[in-house]
Amino acid sequence: MNPIIALLKEHHVSDEQIQQLFQRLTENPLMAMGTLGQLGLPPEKLQALMMQVMQNPALIKEAVAELGLDFAKVEAAKAQLQQAQKNQ
């Protein structure tokens, strides 16, 4: 099991909430970050999760694939986010 999904399940995040989180990630990464913050993970676990993702971004791709979502949408959202940051 993907370590991101495993951590969320360890903290009693439902399958539906996990699916919604990654669906939001494919649509709007900033919205996904807000949703992640609302899941009630302890700050130290959330920080560890973010570090893990920063060190191994492929974990997101693996989680998206495990959940049966379209990774191309994640890439499109990432490009949109990068463009928005350049325009600031």
Protein backbone atom coordinates (compact mmCIF):
# COMPACT_ATOMS: atom_id res chain seq x y z
CA MET A 1 0.00 0.00 0.00
CA ASN A 2 1.18 3.51 -0.81
CA PRO A 3 2.69 5.17 2.31
CA ILE A 4 0.51 8.28 1.90
CA ILE A 5 -2.66 6.20 1.85
CA ALA A 6 -1.35 4.01 4.68
CA LEU A 7 -0.72 7.05 6.89
CA LEU A 8 -4.17 8.44 6.19
CA LYS A 9 -5.79 5.10 7.01
CA GLU A 10 -3.67 4.83 10.17
CA HIS A 11 -5.33 8.05 11.32
CA HIS A 12 -8.81 6.75 10.55
CA VAL A 13 -9.34 8.76 7.37
CA SER A 14 -12.09 7.00 5.46
CA ASP A 15 -11.65 5.57 1.96
CA GLU A 16 -14.16 8.14 0.75
CA GLN A 17 -12.16 11.02 2.26
CA ILE A 18 -8.94 9.66 0.74
CA GLN A 19 -10.62 9.39 -2.66
CA GLN A 20 -11.94 12.97 -2.33
CA LEU A 21 -8.52 14.27 -1.31
CA PHE A 22 -6.80 12.81 -4.34
CA GLN A 23 -9.67 13.82 -6.61
CA ARG A 24 -9.20 17.39 -5.40
CA LEU A 25 -5.47 17.04 -5.92
CA THR A 26 -6.10 16.20 -9.56
CA GLU A 27 -8.35 19.23 -9.93
CA ASN A 28 -6.75 21.88 -7.73
CA PRO A 29 -3.61 21.20 -5.65
CA LEU A 30 -4.15 24.23 -3.42
CA MET A 31 -7.64 23.05 -2.55
CA ALA A 32 -6.23 19.62 -1.78
CA MET A 33 -3.79 21.13 0.71
CA GLY A 34 -6.68 22.77 2.55
CA THR A 35 -8.58 19.50 2.56
CA LEU A 36 -5.55 17.64 3.88
CA GLY A 37 -5.30 20.14 6.73
CA GLN A 38 -8.93 19.44 7.69
CA LEU A 39 -8.42 15.70 8.11
CA GLY A 40 -7.19 16.09 11.67
CA LEU A 41 -3.73 14.59 11.27
CA PRO A 42 -1.34 15.51 14.06
CA PRO A 43 0.98 18.32 12.87
CA GLU A 44 4.09 16.17 13.22
CA LYS A 45 2.53 13.42 11.05
CA LEU A 46 1.42 15.97 8.47
CA GLN A 47 4.91 17.45 8.36
CA ALA A 48 6.48 14.00 8.01
CA LEU A 49 4.06 13.19 5.19
CA MET A 50 4.94 16.42 3.38
CA MET A 51 8.66 15.71 3.74
CA GLN A 52 8.16 12.21 2.40
CA VAL A 53 6.30 13.56 -0.64
CA MET A 54 8.94 16.24 -1.23
CA GLN A 55 11.69 13.61 -1.14
CA ASN A 56 9.78 11.20 -3.36
CA PRO A 57 7.15 12.97 -5.52
CA ALA A 58 6.43 9.66 -7.29
CA LEU A 59 4.44 8.68 -4.19
CA ILE A 60 1.62 10.93 -5.38
CA LYS A 61 1.60 9.24 -8.78
CA GLU A 62 1.55 5.83 -7.10
CA ALA A 63 -1.32 6.83 -4.81
CA VAL A 64 -3.32 8.27 -7.71
CA ALA A 65 -2.80 5.04 -9.67
CA GLU A 66 -3.72 2.92 -6.64
CA LEU A 67 -6.97 4.86 -6.33
CA GLY A 68 -7.71 4.50 -10.03
CA LEU A 69 -7.57 8.23 -10.81
CA ASP A 70 -6.13 9.91 -13.90
CA PHE A 71 -2.54 11.06 -13.30
CA ALA A 72 -2.65 13.26 -16.41
CA LYS A 73 -5.03 15.51 -14.46
CA VAL A 74 -2.46 15.78 -11.67
CA GLU A 75 0.16 16.88 -14.19
CA ALA A 76 -2.24 19.44 -15.68
CA ALA A 77 -3.06 20.80 -12.22
CA LYS A 78 0.65 20.98 -11.39
CA ALA A 79 1.34 22.96 -14.58
CA GLN A 80 -1.55 25.29 -13.77
CA LEU A 81 -0.18 25.85 -10.26
CA GLN A 82 3.32 26.56 -11.58
CA GLN A 83 1.92 29.05 -14.10
CA ALA A 84 -0.07 30.80 -11.38
CA GLN A 85 3.05 31.09 -9.23
CA LYS A 86 4.98 32.63 -12.13
CA ASN A 87 2.23 35.20 -12.66
CA GLN A 88 2.37 36.43 -9.05
